[in-house]
Each structure stands twice: as structure tokens, then as C-alpha cells.
Amino acid sequence: MEAELYASDAFTAKKEELLSRFESEYRFEKGDELYVERGGGRPLKVRLIDVRVLVGEGGSVKSELLAMKL
């Protein structure tokens, strides 16, 4: 499944910056903590605050992961 990871405001859960786009079969859940490598330096640590699964007309499935930077 295609997944898009966005930085998000912790209080409004609005998408802000796209952090990563990847393929995964993992079932992400609110509260999961991820480390995102972004070219050099330390990885960015984030905590998922919302998981949205989008089902398209043709049956395609995509997840949007909203995360708070830690």
C-alpha cells in the first residue's frame, strides 16, 4: 500500500510538510513512533497522531499518516 507521511499540527491534525512517501504493508496505528532519514544528520523522530486510509474508485488504497515532530 502506498503511504504518505506528513508533519502535522498536534492540535488541529492538519497536513503541513510531506516528510516521506513509501510502500508498506504495515498496519500503522496512532501512537506509533517512526524515525525518518532526511539526508545527513540525525533521523527525525515523529509520533503518529492520525492514520487515514483512502480508498479510490478503482479499489486503490492509500494511507495518509499525520505525525507530530518530537
Protein backbone atom coordinates (compact mmCIF):
# COMPACT_ATOMS: atom_id res chain seq x y z
CA MET A 1 0.00 0.00 0.00
CA GLU A 2 1.23 3.49 -0.75
CA ALA A 3 1.77 5.60 2.37
CA GLU A 4 2.41 9.32 2.73
CA LEU A 5 3.84 10.69 5.97
CA TYR A 6 3.07 14.33 6.77
CA ALA A 7 4.20 16.62 9.56
CA SER A 8 1.09 17.89 11.28
CA ASP A 9 -0.03 20.39 13.86
CA ALA A 10 -0.67 18.43 17.05
CA PHE A 11 -3.88 20.30 17.92
CA THR A 12 -5.67 20.60 14.57
CA ALA A 13 -4.35 17.48 12.74
CA LYS A 14 -3.86 19.48 9.53
CA LYS A 15 -1.32 18.26 6.97
CA GLU A 16 1.71 20.50 6.69
CA GLU A 17 5.00 19.23 5.22
CA LEU A 18 5.34 15.94 3.30
CA LEU A 19 8.10 14.04 5.10
CA SER A 20 8.15 10.80 3.11
CA ARG A 21 6.29 8.69 0.56
CA PHE A 22 6.80 4.90 0.59
CA GLU A 23 5.24 1.46 0.08
CA SER A 24 4.38 -0.62 3.15
CA GLU A 25 2.04 -3.40 4.24
CA TYR A 26 2.46 -2.46 7.93
CA ARG A 27 -0.74 -1.50 9.73
CA PHE A 28 0.17 1.86 11.24
CA GLU A 29 -1.62 2.94 14.41
CA LYS A 30 -1.98 6.18 16.31
CA GLY A 31 0.92 6.47 18.77
CA ASP A 32 3.48 4.62 16.60
CA GLU A 33 6.89 6.31 16.63
CA LEU A 34 8.94 6.48 13.43
CA TYR A 35 12.41 7.70 12.51
CA VAL A 36 12.68 9.46 9.15
CA GLU A 37 16.07 9.74 7.46
CA ARG A 38 16.30 13.00 5.55
CA GLY A 39 19.82 13.15 4.10
CA GLY A 40 22.66 13.63 6.56
CA GLY A 41 22.46 14.24 10.26
CA ARG A 42 20.25 12.51 12.78
CA PRO A 43 16.94 10.97 11.73
CA LEU A 44 13.79 12.94 12.53
CA LYS A 45 11.66 11.26 15.22
CA VAL A 46 7.87 11.57 14.86
CA ARG A 47 4.78 10.16 16.59
CA LEU A 48 1.64 9.34 14.59
CA ILE A 49 -1.38 11.35 15.68
CA ASP A 50 -3.78 10.28 12.92
CA VAL A 51 -3.97 7.49 10.35
CA ARG A 52 -6.26 7.97 7.35
CA VAL A 53 -6.98 5.23 4.81
CA LEU A 54 -8.21 6.45 1.43
CA VAL A 55 -9.99 4.04 -0.93
CA GLY A 56 -10.19 5.14 -4.56
CA GLU A 57 -12.97 4.37 -7.07
CA GLY A 58 -10.91 1.67 -8.75
CA GLY A 59 -10.16 -0.05 -5.44
CA SER A 60 -6.76 1.53 -4.91
CA VAL A 61 -5.80 2.02 -1.27
CA LYS A 62 -3.53 4.73 0.12
CA SER A 63 -2.79 5.76 3.69
CA GLU A 64 -2.05 9.27 4.96
CA LEU A 65 -0.08 9.35 8.19
CA LEU A 66 -0.14 12.57 10.19
CA ALA A 67 2.74 12.93 12.61
CA MET A 68 3.95 15.27 15.31
CA LYS A 69 7.68 16.00 15.31
CA LEU A 70 9.39 15.05 18.57
